[in-house]
PDB file of N, CA and C in Angstrom:
ATOM      1  N   MET A   1      -6.168  38.653  13.239  1.00  0.00           N
ATOM      2  CA  MET A   1      -5.024  37.481  13.520  1.00  0.00           C
ATOM      3  C   MET A   1      -4.959  37.461  14.988  1.00  0.00           C
ATOM      4  N   ASN A   2      -4.955  36.123  15.426  1.00  0.00           N
ATOM      5  CA  ASN A   2      -4.973  35.857  16.702  1.00  0.00           C
ATOM      6  C   ASN A   2      -3.416  35.722  17.220  1.00  0.00           C
ATOM      7  N   THR A   3      -3.176  35.579  18.438  1.00  0.00           N
ATOM      8  CA  THR A   3      -1.942  35.710  19.173  1.00  0.00           C
ATOM      9  C   THR A   3      -0.863  34.537  18.592  1.00  0.00           C
ATOM     10  N   GLU A   4      -1.482  33.437  18.355  1.00  0.00           N
ATOM     11  CA  GLU A   4      -0.828  32.140  17.833  1.00  0.00           C
ATOM     12  C   GLU A   4      -0.326  32.391  16.563  1.00  0.00           C
ATOM     13  N   GLU A   5      -1.147  32.977  15.908  1.00  0.00           N
ATOM     14  CA  GLU A   5      -0.739  33.130  14.256  1.00  0.00           C
ATOM     15  C   GLU A   5       0.526  34.159  14.181  1.00  0.00           C
ATOM     16  N   LYS A   6       0.360  35.362  15.107  1.00  0.00           N
ATOM     17  CA  LYS A   6       1.644  36.257  15.181  1.00  0.00           C
ATOM     18  C   LYS A   6       2.737  35.689  15.611  1.00  0.00           C
ATOM     19  N   THR A   7       2.934  34.781  16.647  1.00  0.00           N
ATOM     20  CA  THR A   7       4.129  34.066  17.158  1.00  0.00           C
ATOM     21  C   THR A   7       4.569  33.014  16.070  1.00  0.00           C
ATOM     22  N   ASN A   8       3.568  32.502  15.309  1.00  0.00           N
ATOM     23  CA  ASN A   8       3.915  31.317  14.506  1.00  0.00           C
ATOM     24  C   ASN A   8       3.411  31.632  13.201  1.00  0.00           C
ATOM     25  N   PRO A   9       4.077  32.202  12.314  1.00  0.00           N
ATOM     26  CA  PRO A   9       3.504  32.574  10.888  1.00  0.00           C
ATOM     27  C   PRO A   9       3.188  31.397  10.009  1.00  0.00           C
ATOM     28  N   ASN A  10       4.017  30.289  10.216  1.00  0.00           N
ATOM     29  CA  ASN A  10       3.750  29.177   9.516  1.00  0.00           C
ATOM     30  C   ASN A  10       2.567  28.265   9.879  1.00  0.00           C
ATOM     31  N   LYS A  11       1.924  28.622  10.755  1.00  0.00           N
ATOM     32  CA  LYS A  11       0.847  27.747  11.384  1.00  0.00           C
ATOM     33  C   LYS A  11      -0.374  27.693  10.319  1.00  0.00           C
ATOM     34  N   ARG A  12      -0.677  28.572   9.670  1.00  0.00           N
ATOM     35  CA  ARG A  12      -1.862  28.742   8.681  1.00  0.00           C
ATOM     36  C   ARG A  12      -1.340  27.964   7.500  1.00  0.00           C
ATOM     37  N   LYS A  13      -0.061  28.061   7.271  1.00  0.00           N
ATOM     38  CA  LYS A  13       0.460  27.152   5.959  1.00  0.00           C
ATOM     39  C   LYS A  13       0.546  25.639   6.425  1.00  0.00           C
ATOM     40  N   ASP A  14       1.019  25.290   7.517  1.00  0.00           N
ATOM     41  CA  ASP A  14       0.948  24.028   8.052  1.00  0.00           C
ATOM     42  C   ASP A  14      -0.386  23.296   7.971  1.00  0.00           C
ATOM     43  N   ASP A  15      -1.306  24.092   8.783  1.00  0.00           N
ATOM     44  CA  ASP A  15      -2.761  23.719   8.754  1.00  0.00           C
ATOM     45  C   ASP A  15      -3.349  23.431   7.239  1.00  0.00           C
ATOM     46  N   GLY A  16      -3.030  24.441   6.407  1.00  0.00           N
ATOM     47  CA  GLY A  16      -3.567  24.320   4.981  1.00  0.00           C
ATOM     48  C   GLY A  16      -2.934  23.102   4.354  1.00  0.00           C
ATOM     49  N   MET A  17      -1.627  22.819   4.539  1.00  0.00           N
ATOM     50  CA  MET A  17      -0.941  21.612   3.825  1.00  0.00           C
ATOM     51  C   MET A  17      -1.508  20.356   4.351  1.00  0.00           C
ATOM     52  N   THR A  18      -1.831  20.411   5.832  1.00  0.00           N
ATOM     53  CA  THR A  18      -2.332  19.028   6.514  1.00  0.00           C
ATOM     54  C   THR A  18      -3.711  18.763   5.691  1.00  0.00           C
ATOM     55  N   THR A  19      -4.446  19.926   5.698  1.00  0.00           N
ATOM     56  CA  THR A  19      -5.964  19.804   5.127  1.00  0.00           C
ATOM     57  C   THR A  19      -5.980  19.447   3.705  1.00  0.00           C
ATOM     58  N   GLY A  20      -4.890  19.912   3.074  1.00  0.00           N
ATOM     59  CA  GLY A  20      -4.914  19.481   1.465  1.00  0.00           C
ATOM     60  C   GLY A  20      -4.465  18.179   1.440  1.00  0.00           C
ATOM     61  N   LEU A  21      -3.557  17.644   2.035  1.00  0.00           N
ATOM     62  CA  LEU A  21      -3.105  16.290   1.970  1.00  0.00           C
ATOM     63  C   LEU A  21      -4.218  15.337   2.335  1.00  0.00           C
ATOM     64  N   ILE A  22      -4.852  15.542   3.339  1.00  0.00           N
ATOM     65  CA  ILE A  22      -6.093  14.799   3.772  1.00  0.00           C
ATOM     66  C   ILE A  22      -7.309  14.809   2.740  1.00  0.00           C
ATOM     67  N   LEU A  23      -7.490  15.905   2.230  1.00  0.00           N
ATOM     68  CA  LEU A  23      -8.467  15.851   1.161  1.00  0.00           C
ATOM     69  C   LEU A  23      -7.979  15.127  -0.262  1.00  0.00           C
ATOM     70  N   ILE A  24      -6.701  15.252  -0.357  1.00  0.00           N
ATOM     71  CA  ILE A  24      -6.099  14.533  -1.703  1.00  0.00           C
ATOM     72  C   ILE A  24      -6.162  12.927  -1.474  1.00  0.00           C
ATOM     73  N   ALA A  25      -5.933  12.505  -0.229  1.00  0.00           N
ATOM     74  CA  ALA A  25      -6.097  11.061   0.063  1.00  0.00           C
ATOM     75  C   ALA A  25      -7.522  10.656   0.195  1.00  0.00           C
ATOM     76  N   VAL A  26      -8.420  11.312   0.569  1.00  0.00           N
ATOM     77  CA  VAL A  26      -9.974  11.050   0.629  1.00  0.00           C
ATOM     78  C   VAL A  26     -10.209  10.933  -0.961  1.00  0.00           C
ATOM     79  N   GLY A  27      -9.873  11.872  -1.813  1.00  0.00           N
ATOM     80  CA  GLY A  27     -10.201  11.790  -3.171  1.00  0.00           C
ATOM     81  C   GLY A  27      -9.599  10.447  -3.850  1.00  0.00           C
ATOM     82  N   VAL A  28      -8.307  10.351  -3.373  1.00  0.00           N
ATOM     83  CA  VAL A  28      -7.716   8.931  -4.009  1.00  0.00           C
ATOM     84  C   VAL A  28      -8.615   7.778  -3.509  1.00  0.00           C
ATOM     85  N   ILE A  29      -9.103   7.724  -2.386  1.00  0.00           N
ATOM     86  CA  ILE A  29      -9.745   6.595  -1.802  1.00  0.00           C
ATOM     87  C   ILE A  29     -11.107   6.419  -2.546  1.00  0.00           C
ATOM     88  N   PHE A  30     -11.648   7.688  -2.802  1.00  0.00           N
ATOM     89  CA  PHE A  30     -13.018   7.815  -3.694  1.00  0.00           C
ATOM     90  C   PHE A  30     -12.677   7.063  -4.972  1.00  0.00           C
ATOM     91  N   LEU A  31     -11.684   7.570  -5.667  1.00  0.00           N
ATOM     92  CA  LEU A  31     -11.464   6.848  -7.079  1.00  0.00           C
ATOM     93  C   LEU A  31     -11.166   5.537  -7.105  1.00  0.00           C
ATOM     94  N   VAL A  32     -10.538   5.000  -6.000  1.00  0.00           N
ATOM     95  CA  VAL A  32     -10.280   3.583  -5.957  1.00  0.00           C
ATOM     96  C   VAL A  32     -11.443   2.882  -5.637  1.00  0.00           C
ATOM     97  N   MET A  33     -12.475   3.481  -4.810  1.00  0.00           N
ATOM     98  CA  MET A  33     -13.515   2.789  -4.629  1.00  0.00           C
ATOM     99  C   MET A  33     -14.488   2.819  -5.978  1.00  0.00           C
ATOM    100  N   GLN A  34     -14.304   3.834  -6.909  1.00  0.00           N
ATOM    101  CA  GLN A  34     -15.162   3.824  -8.119  1.00  0.00           C
ATOM    102  C   GLN A  34     -14.627   2.926  -9.294  1.00  0.00           C
ATOM    103  N   TYR A  35     -13.180   2.682  -9.198  1.00  0.00           N
ATOM    104  CA  TYR A  35     -12.587   1.988 -10.413  1.00  0.00           C
ATOM    105  C   TYR A  35     -11.997   0.798  -9.828  1.00  0.00           C
ATOM    106  N   GLY A  36     -11.698   0.606  -8.639  1.00  0.00           N
ATOM    107  CA  GLY A  36     -10.975  -0.582  -8.116  1.00  0.00           C
ATOM    108  C   GLY A  36     -11.849  -1.713  -7.696  1.00  0.00           C
ATOM    109  N   GLY A  37     -13.071  -1.509  -7.371  1.00  0.00           N
ATOM    110  CA  GLY A  37     -13.923  -2.609  -6.720  1.00  0.00           C
ATOM    111  C   GLY A  37     -13.796  -2.455  -5.163  1.00  0.00           C
ATOM    112  N   PHE A  38     -13.090  -1.595  -4.771  1.00  0.00           N
ATOM    113  CA  PHE A  38     -12.801  -1.366  -3.310  1.00  0.00           C
ATOM    114  C   PHE A  38     -14.055  -0.647  -2.756  1.00  0.00           C
ATOM    115  N   HIS A  39     -14.695  -1.061  -1.640  1.00  0.00           N
ATOM    116  CA  HIS A  39     -15.672  -0.412  -1.057  1.00  0.00           C
ATOM    117  C   HIS A  39     -15.747  -0.200   0.471  1.00  0.00           C
ATOM    118  N   ILE A  40     -16.031   1.054   0.926  1.00  0.00           N
ATOM    119  CA  ILE A  40     -15.906   1.404   2.161  1.00  0.00           C
ATOM    120  C   ILE A  40     -17.257   1.785   2.634  1.00  0.00           C
ATOM    121  N   HIS A  41     -17.733   1.098   3.642  1.00  0.00           N
ATOM    122  CA  HIS A  41     -19.081   1.386   3.922  1.00  0.00           C
ATOM    123  C   HIS A  41     -18.971   2.714   4.865  1.00  0.00           C
ATOM    124  N   ASN A  42     -20.000   3.525   4.869  1.00  0.00           N
ATOM    125  CA  ASN A  42     -20.040   4.980   5.699  1.00  0.00           C
ATOM    126  C   ASN A  42     -18.755   5.502   5.417  1.00  0.00           C
ATOM    127  N   TRP A  43     -18.592   5.869   4.082  1.00  0.00           N
ATOM    128  CA  TRP A  43     -17.330   6.497   3.587  1.00  0.00           C
ATOM    129  C   TRP A  43     -17.194   7.867   4.096  1.00  0.00           C
ATOM    130  N   TRP A  44     -18.326   8.605   4.296  1.00  0.00           N
ATOM    131  CA  TRP A  44     -18.508   9.897   4.930  1.00  0.00           C
ATOM    132  C   TRP A  44     -17.707  10.037   6.318  1.00  0.00           C
ATOM    133  N   ALA A  45     -17.593   8.996   7.045  1.00  0.00           N
ATOM    134  CA  ALA A  45     -16.812   8.883   8.251  1.00  0.00           C
ATOM    135  C   ALA A  45     -15.396   9.362   8.090  1.00  0.00           C
ATOM    136  N   LEU A  46     -14.788   9.292   6.861  1.00  0.00           N
ATOM    137  CA  LEU A  46     -13.581   9.753   6.540  1.00  0.00           C
ATOM    138  C   LEU A  46     -13.304  11.052   7.042  1.00  0.00           C
ATOM    139  N   PHE A  47     -14.199  11.846   6.631  1.00  0.00           N
ATOM    140  CA  PHE A  47     -14.183  13.348   7.059  1.00  0.00           C
ATOM    141  C   PHE A  47     -13.950  13.648   8.660  1.00  0.00           C
ATOM    142  N   ILE A  48     -14.470  12.695   9.331  1.00  0.00           N
ATOM    143  CA  ILE A  48     -14.256  12.738  10.974  1.00  0.00           C
ATOM    144  C   ILE A  48     -12.816  12.809  11.202  1.00  0.00           C
ATOM    145  N   LEU A  49     -11.860  12.297  10.334  1.00  0.00           N
ATOM    146  CA  LEU A  49     -10.419  12.081  10.431  1.00  0.00           C
ATOM    147  C   LEU A  49      -9.843  13.468  10.221  1.00  0.00           C
ATOM    148  N   ILE A  50     -10.410  14.168   9.524  1.00  0.00           N
ATOM    149  CA  ILE A  50      -9.699  15.617   9.315  1.00  0.00           C
ATOM    150  C   ILE A  50      -9.156  16.301  10.466  1.00  0.00           C
ATOM    151  N   PRO A  51     -10.014  16.577  11.478  1.00  0.00           N
ATOM    152  CA  PRO A  51      -9.356  17.166  12.642  1.00  0.00           C
ATOM    153  C   PRO A  51      -8.472  16.354  13.225  1.00  0.00           C
ATOM    154  N   VAL A  52      -8.659  14.981  13.352  1.00  0.00           N
ATOM    155  CA  VAL A  52      -7.825  14.070  13.974  1.00  0.00           C
ATOM    156  C   VAL A  52      -6.287  14.199  13.488  1.00  0.00           C
ATOM    157  N   PHE A  53      -6.120  14.132  12.110  1.00  0.00           N
ATOM    158  CA  PHE A  53      -4.795  14.264  11.518  1.00  0.00           C
ATOM    159  C   PHE A  53      -4.347  15.814  11.712  1.00  0.00           C
ATOM    160  N   THR A  54      -5.187  16.758  11.633  1.00  0.00           N
ATOM    161  CA  THR A  54      -4.703  18.138  12.054  1.00  0.00           C
ATOM    162  C   THR A  54      -4.219  18.236  13.276  1.00  0.00           C
ATOM    163  N   ALA A  55      -4.820  17.562  14.368  1.00  0.00           N
ATOM    164  CA  ALA A  55      -4.407  17.686  15.772  1.00  0.00           C
ATOM    165  C   ALA A  55      -3.160  17.043  15.863  1.00  0.00           C
ATOM    166  N   TRP A  56      -3.034  15.963  15.185  1.00  0.00           N
ATOM    167  CA  TRP A  56      -1.661  15.112  15.206  1.00  0.00           C
ATOM    168  C   TRP A  56      -0.387  15.775  14.598  1.00  0.00           C
ATOM    169  N   ASN A  57      -0.770  16.535  13.342  1.00  0.00           N
ATOM    170  CA  ASN A  57       0.134  17.396  12.753  1.00  0.00           C
ATOM    171  C   ASN A  57       0.676  18.454  13.737  1.00  0.00           C
ATOM    172  N   ARG A  58      -0.272  19.223  14.405  1.00  0.00           N
ATOM    173  CA  ARG A  58      -0.035  20.272  15.299  1.00  0.00           C
ATOM    174  C   ARG A  58       0.940  19.800  16.409  1.00  0.00           C
ATOM    175  N   ALA A  59       0.559  18.545  16.987  1.00  0.00           N
ATOM    176  CA  ALA A  59       1.314  18.062  18.177  1.00  0.00           C
ATOM    177  C   ALA A  59       2.935  17.740  17.601  1.00  0.00           C
ATOM    178  N   ILE A  60       2.818  17.113  16.432  1.00  0.00           N
ATOM    179  CA  ILE A  60       4.157  16.588  16.031  1.00  0.00           C
ATOM    180  C   ILE A  60       5.044  17.901  15.762  1.00  0.00           C
ATOM    181  N   ARG A  61       4.487  18.914  15.198  1.00  0.00           N
ATOM    182  CA  ARG A  61       5.338  20.299  14.941  1.00  0.00           C
ATOM    183  C   ARG A  61       5.561  21.006  16.089  1.00  0.00           C
ATOM    184  N   THR A  62       4.640  20.995  17.084  1.00  0.00           N
ATOM    185  CA  THR A  62       5.026  21.605  18.510  1.00  0.00           C
ATOM    186  C   THR A  62       6.109  20.893  19.043  1.00  0.00           C
ATOM    187  N   SER A  63       6.208  19.652  19.253  1.00  0.00           N
ATOM    188  CA  SER A  63       7.139  18.954  19.655  1.00  0.00           C
ATOM    189  C   SER A  63       8.497  18.995  19.159  1.00  0.00           C
ATOM    190  N   ILE A  64       8.462  19.192  17.711  1.00  0.00           N
ATOM    191  CA  ILE A  64       9.681  19.200  17.001  1.00  0.00           C
ATOM    192  C   ILE A  64      10.378  20.659  17.183  1.00  0.00           C
ATOM    193  N   GLU A  65       9.410  21.798  17.284  1.00  0.00           N
ATOM    194  CA  GLU A  65       9.943  23.072  17.602  1.00  0.00           C
ATOM    195  C   GLU A  65      10.438  23.263  18.792  1.00  0.00           C
ATOM    196  N   VAL A  66       9.873  22.828  19.956  1.00  0.00           N
ATOM    197  CA  VAL A  66      10.276  22.813  21.332  1.00  0.00           C
ATOM    198  C   VAL A  66      11.371  22.009  21.614  1.00  0.00           C
ATOM    199  N   GLY A  67      11.532  20.800  20.938  1.00  0.00           N
ATOM    200  CA  GLY A  67      12.429  19.749  21.250  1.00  0.00           C
ATOM    201  C   GLY A  67      12.128  18.843  22.141  1.00  0.00           C
ATOM    202  N   LYS A  68      10.823  18.727  22.515  1.00  0.00           N
ATOM    203  CA  LYS A  68      10.464  17.585  23.465  1.00  0.00           C
ATOM    204  C   LYS A  68       8.955  17.419  23.312  1.00  0.00           C
ATOM    205  N   ILE A  69       8.487  16.429  24.008  1.00  0.00           N
ATOM    206  CA  ILE A  69       6.920  16.352  23.858  1.00  0.00           C
ATOM    207  C   ILE A  69       6.442  17.103  24.886  1.00  0.00           C
ATOM    208  N   THR A  70       5.448  17.841  24.494  1.00  0.00           N
ATOM    209  CA  THR A  70       4.922  18.834  25.423  1.00  0.00           C
ATOM    210  C   THR A  70       3.330  18.399  25.960  1.00  0.00           C
ATOM    211  N   GLU A  71       3.023  19.048  26.818  1.00  0.00           N
ATOM    212  CA  GLU A  71       1.846  18.599  27.568  1.00  0.00           C
ATOM    213  C   GLU A  71       0.638  18.807  26.454  1.00  0.00           C
ATOM    214  N   GLU A  72       0.689  20.104  25.696  1.00  0.00           N
ATOM    215  CA  GLU A  72      -0.165  20.302  24.886  1.00  0.00           C
ATOM    216  C   GLU A  72      -0.226  19.099  23.616  1.00  0.00           C
ATOM    217  N   SER A  73       0.989  18.627  23.319  1.00  0.00           N
ATOM    218  CA  SER A  73       0.960  17.784  22.257  1.00  0.00           C
ATOM    219  C   SER A  73       0.390  16.355  22.785  1.00  0.00           C
ATOM    220  N   VAL A  74       0.690  15.995  23.918  1.00  0.00           N
ATOM    221  CA  VAL A  74       0.141  14.777  24.418  1.00  0.00           C
ATOM    222  C   VAL A  74      -1.389  15.064  24.639  1.00  0.00           C
ATOM    223  N   GLN A  75      -1.849  16.048  25.078  1.00  0.00           N
ATOM    224  CA  GLN A  75      -3.462  16.143  25.028  1.00  0.00           C
ATOM    225  C   GLN A  75      -4.118  16.324  23.752  1.00  0.00           C
ATOM    226  N   ALA A  76      -3.368  16.918  22.647  1.00  0.00           N
ATOM    227  CA  ALA A  76      -3.870  17.002  21.413  1.00  0.00           C
ATOM    228  C   ALA A  76      -3.988  15.684  20.672  1.00  0.00           C
ATOM    229  N   VAL A  77      -3.242  14.726  21.010  1.00  0.00           N
ATOM    230  CA  VAL A  77      -3.118  13.229  20.499  1.00  0.00           C
ATOM    231  C   VAL A  77      -4.052  12.374  21.254  1.00  0.00           C
ATOM    232  N   THR A  78      -4.096  12.559  22.645  1.00  0.00           N
ATOM    233  CA  THR A  78      -5.067  11.752  23.321  1.00  0.00           C
ATOM    234  C   THR A  78      -6.470  12.380  23.166  1.00  0.00           C
ATOM    235  N   GLY A  79      -6.692  13.554  23.028  1.00  0.00           N
ATOM    236  CA  GLY A  79      -7.899  14.027  22.759  1.00  0.00           C
ATOM    237  C   GLY A  79      -8.548  13.803  21.193  1.00  0.00           C
ATOM    238  N   SER A  80      -7.733  13.404  20.521  1.00  0.00           N
ATOM    239  CA  SER A  80      -8.066  13.114  19.054  1.00  0.00           C
ATOM    240  C   SER A  80      -8.508  11.537  18.958  1.00  0.00           C
ATOM    241  N   LEU A  81      -8.194  10.899  19.932  1.00  0.00           N
ATOM    242  CA  LEU A  81      -8.545   9.320  20.032  1.00  0.00           C
ATOM    243  C   LEU A  81     -10.116   9.201  20.108  1.00  0.00           C
ATOM    244  N   PHE A  82     -10.919  10.006  20.680  1.00  0.00           N
ATOM    245  CA  PHE A  82     -12.406   9.808  20.517  1.00  0.00           C
ATOM    246  C   PHE A  82     -12.908   9.991  19.096  1.00  0.00           C
ATOM    247  N   PRO A  83     -12.758  10.991  18.401  1.00  0.00           N
ATOM    248  CA  PRO A  83     -13.174  11.001  17.073  1.00  0.00           C
ATOM    249  C   PRO A  83     -12.524   9.918  16.196  1.00  0.00           C
ATOM    250  N   LEU A  84     -11.353   9.449  16.581  1.00  0.00           N
ATOM    251  CA  LEU A  84     -10.683   8.424  15.817  1.00  0.00           C
ATOM    252  C   LEU A  84     -11.479   7.097  15.881  1.00  0.00           C
ATOM    253  N   PHE A  85     -11.819   6.802  17.240  1.00  0.00           N
ATOM    254  CA  PHE A  85     -12.595   5.726  17.444  1.00  0.00           C
ATOM    255  C   PHE A  85     -14.060   5.650  16.852  1.00  0.00           C
ATOM    256  N   VAL A  86     -14.736   6.930  16.855  1.00  0.00           N
ATOM    257  CA  VAL A  86     -15.939   6.997  16.100  1.00  0.00           C
ATOM    258  C   VAL A  86     -15.998   6.714  14.810  1.00  0.00           C
ATOM    259  N   ALA A  87     -14.852   7.232  14.203  1.00  0.00           N
ATOM    260  CA  ALA A  87     -14.739   7.177  12.679  1.00  0.00           C
ATOM    261  C   ALA A  87     -14.608   5.715  12.337  1.00  0.00           C
ATOM    262  N   ALA A  88     -13.691   4.886  13.197  1.00  0.00           N
ATOM    263  CA  ALA A  88     -13.493   3.586  13.099  1.00  0.00           C
ATOM    264  C   ALA A  88     -14.713   2.748  13.053  1.00  0.00           C
ATOM    265  N   ILE A  89     -15.528   2.977  13.976  1.00  0.00           N
ATOM    266  CA  ILE A  89     -16.844   2.319  14.282  1.00  0.00           C
ATOM    267  C   ILE A  89     -17.461   2.501  12.959  1.00  0.00           C
ATOM    268  N   PHE A  90     -17.718   3.641  12.409  1.00  0.00           N
ATOM    269  CA  PHE A  90     -18.515   3.866  11.279  1.00  0.00           C
ATOM    270  C   PHE A  90     -17.924   3.003  10.098  1.00  0.00           C
ATOM    271  N   LEU A  91     -16.481   3.224   9.959  1.00  0.00           N
ATOM    272  CA  LEU A  91     -15.842   2.669   8.741  1.00  0.00           C
ATOM    273  C   LEU A  91     -15.889   1.339   8.764  1.00  0.00           C
ATOM    274  N   PHE A  92     -15.693   0.505   9.806  1.00  0.00           N
ATOM    275  CA  PHE A  92     -15.680  -0.865   9.969  1.00  0.00           C
ATOM    276  C   PHE A  92     -16.966  -1.572  10.389  1.00  0.00           C
ATOM    277  N   ASN A  93     -17.934  -0.643  10.410  1.00  0.00           N
ATOM    278  CA  ASN A  93     -19.405  -1.314  10.648  1.00  0.00           C
ATOM    279  C   ASN A  93     -19.283  -2.003  12.125  1.00  0.00           C
ATOM    280  N   TRP A  94     -18.639  -1.483  12.940  1.00  0.00           N
ATOM    281  CA  TRP A  94     -18.662  -2.257  14.316  1.00  0.00           C
ATOM    282  C   TRP A  94     -20.002  -2.030  14.987  1.00  0.00           C
ATOM    283  N   ASP A  95     -20.361  -2.910  15.912  1.00  0.00           N
ATOM    284  CA  ASP A  95     -21.599  -2.714  16.820  1.00  0.00           C
ATOM    285  C   ASP A  95     -21.272  -1.932  17.862  1.00  0.00           C
ATOM    286  N   TRP A  96     -21.998  -0.704  17.957  1.00  0.00           N
ATOM    287  CA  TRP A  96     -21.788   0.161  19.060  1.00  0.00           C
ATOM    288  C   TRP A  96     -22.014  -0.679  20.471  1.00  0.00           C
ATOM    289  N   GLY A  97     -22.873  -1.348  20.452  1.00  0.00           N
ATOM    290  CA  GLY A  97     -23.128  -2.163  21.666  1.00  0.00           C
ATOM    291  C   GLY A  97     -22.329  -3.114  22.229  1.00  0.00           C
ATOM    292  N   ARG A  98     -21.117  -3.470  21.303  1.00  0.00           N
ATOM    293  CA  ARG A  98     -20.061  -4.379  21.770  1.00  0.00           C
ATOM    294  C   ARG A  98     -18.789  -3.639  21.865  1.00  0.00           C
ATOM    295  N   VAL A  99     -18.506  -2.262  21.224  1.00  0.00           N
ATOM    296  CA  VAL A  99     -17.364  -1.700  21.330  1.00  0.00           C
ATOM    297  C   VAL A  99     -17.329  -0.477  22.199  1.00  0.00           C
ATOM    298  N   TRP A 100     -18.479  -0.321  23.044  1.00  0.00           N
ATOM    299  CA  TRP A 100     -18.753   1.012  23.911  1.00  0.00           C
ATOM    300  C   TRP A 100     -17.460   0.815  25.048  1.00  0.00           C
ATOM    301  N   PRO A 101     -16.947  -0.131  25.456  1.00  0.00           N
ATOM    302  CA  PRO A 101     -15.827  -0.064  26.418  1.00  0.00           C
ATOM    303  C   PRO A 101     -14.714   0.553  25.911  1.00  0.00           C
ATOM    304  N   GLY A 102     -14.458   0.659  24.624  1.00  0.00           N
ATOM    305  CA  GLY A 102     -13.473   1.488  23.857  1.00  0.00           C
ATOM    306  C   GLY A 102     -13.453   2.955  24.457  1.00  0.00           C
ATOM    307  N   PHE A 103     -14.707   3.376  24.610  1.00  0.00           N
ATOM    308  CA  PHE A 103     -14.753   4.954  25.156  1.00  0.00           C
ATOM    309  C   PHE A 103     -13.991   5.045  26.444  1.00  0.00           C
ATOM    310  N   ILE A 104     -14.305   3.888  27.410  1.00  0.00           N
ATOM    311  CA  ILE A 104     -14.046   4.118  28.722  1.00  0.00           C
ATOM    312  C   ILE A 104     -12.425   3.967  28.781  1.00  0.00           C
ATOM    313  N   ILE A 105     -11.758   3.187  27.906  1.00  0.00           N
ATOM    314  CA  ILE A 105     -10.417   2.925  27.710  1.00  0.00           C
ATOM    315  C   ILE A 105      -9.891   4.287  27.163  1.00  0.00           C
ATOM    316  N   ILE A 106     -10.422   4.904  26.348  1.00  0.00           N
ATOM    317  CA  ILE A 106      -9.929   6.074  25.690  1.00  0.00           C
ATOM    318  C   ILE A 106      -9.903   7.268  26.896  1.00  0.00           C
ATOM    319  N   ALA A 107     -10.786   7.327  27.643  1.00  0.00           N
ATOM    320  CA  ALA A 107     -10.921   8.310  28.727  1.00  0.00           C
ATOM    321  C   ALA A 107     -10.055   7.849  29.645  1.00  0.00           C
ATOM    322  N   GLY A 108      -9.741   6.732  29.898  1.00  0.00           N
ATOM    323  CA  GLY A 108      -8.647   6.232  30.839  1.00  0.00           C
ATOM    324  C   GLY A 108      -7.249   6.764  30.412  1.00  0.00           C
ATOM    325  N   VAL A 109      -7.053   6.406  29.158  1.00  0.00           N
ATOM    326  CA  VAL A 109      -5.804   6.951  28.421  1.00  0.00           C
ATOM    327  C   VAL A 109      -5.655   8.433  28.615  1.00  0.00           C
ATOM    328  N   ASN A 110      -6.749   9.141  28.189  1.00  0.00           N
ATOM    329  CA  ASN A 110      -6.585  10.525  28.455  1.00  0.00           C
ATOM    330  C   ASN A 110      -6.428  11.157  29.783  1.00  0.00           C
ATOM    331  N   ALA A 111      -7.057  10.619  30.731  1.00  0.00           N
ATOM    332  CA  ALA A 111      -6.589  10.645  32.240  1.00  0.00           C
ATOM    333  C   ALA A 111      -5.217  10.567  32.566  1.00  0.00           C
ATOM    334  N   LEU A 112      -4.709   9.516  32.130  1.00  0.00           N
ATOM    335  CA  LEU A 112      -3.263   9.113  32.323  1.00  0.00           C
ATOM    336  C   LEU A 112      -2.232  10.136  31.717  1.00  0.00           C
ATOM    337  N   ALA A 113      -2.718  10.470  30.525  1.00  0.00           N
ATOM    338  CA  ALA A 113      -1.985  11.439  29.652  1.00  0.00           C
ATOM    339  C   ALA A 113      -1.914  12.720  30.305  1.00  0.00           C
ATOM    340  N   ARG A 114      -3.165  13.233  30.918  1.00  0.00           N
ATOM    341  CA  ARG A 114      -3.037  14.479  31.656  1.00  0.00           C
ATOM    342  C   ARG A 114      -2.333  14.515  32.839  1.00  0.00           C
ATOM    343  N   ALA A 115      -2.415  13.439  33.559  1.00  0.00           N
ATOM    344  CA  ALA A 115      -1.676  13.111  34.879  1.00  0.00           C
ATOM    345  C   ALA A 115      -0.193  13.119  34.542  1.00  0.00           C
ATOM    346  N   TRP A 116       0.199  12.474  33.496  1.00  0.00           N
ATOM    347  CA  TRP A 116       1.792  12.424  33.141  1.00  0.00           C
ATOM    348  C   TRP A 116       2.183  13.582  32.754  1.00  0.00           C
ATOM    349  N   GLY A 117       1.304  14.557  32.117  1.00  0.00           N
ATOM    350  CA  GLY A 117       1.676  15.752  31.457  1.00  0.00           C
ATOM    351  C   GLY A 117       1.706  16.936  32.571  1.00  0.00           C
ATOM    352  N   GLN A 118       1.141  16.690  33.660  1.00  0.00           N
ATOM    353  CA  GLN A 118       1.000  17.901  34.702  1.00  0.00           C
ATOM    354  C   GLN A 118       2.347  18.190  35.252  1.00  0.00           C
ATOM    355  N   LYS A 119       2.729  19.471  35.249  1.00  0.00           N
ATOM    356  CA  LYS A 119       4.033  19.847  35.825  1.00  0.00           C
ATOM    357  C   LYS A 119       3.911  19.989  37.329  1.00  0.00           C
ATOM    358  N   SER A 120       4.819  19.589  38.084  1.00  0.00           N
ATOM    359  CA  SER A 120       4.891  19.626  39.436  1.00  0.00           C
ATOM    360  C   SER A 120       5.640  20.900  39.898  1.00  0.00           C
ATOM    361  N   ASP A 121       5.077  21.387  40.795  1.00  0.00           N
ATOM    362  CA  ASP A 121       5.630  22.865  41.380  1.00  0.00           C
ATOM    363  C   ASP A 121       6.778  22.601  42.297  1.00  0.00           C
TER     364      ASP A 121
END
């Protein structure tokens, strides 16, 4: 057991609940695709979203426990924007050659978030 699990015994339960809810949502999407005529191209890209939503869940729970938005929470959310954008590219069949500036924008948002979150001495 690592230090984080010792200090927060609910961490494992929270992560399991998030993963379970995400898998249920993915299963529902697959059922709708099978019976509802709804089709998602590159459906496998939905699995890229699992760590994104897990990071967001941790960020929200940490902020609630501490009572404010923490530097770690901001970095978790901004750091998850990259895989979120990659998943969106695959899911919506966007052309990589046209959307690549989005990666520069995400890097800029991440840099701003890190600068905003740094503690002054």
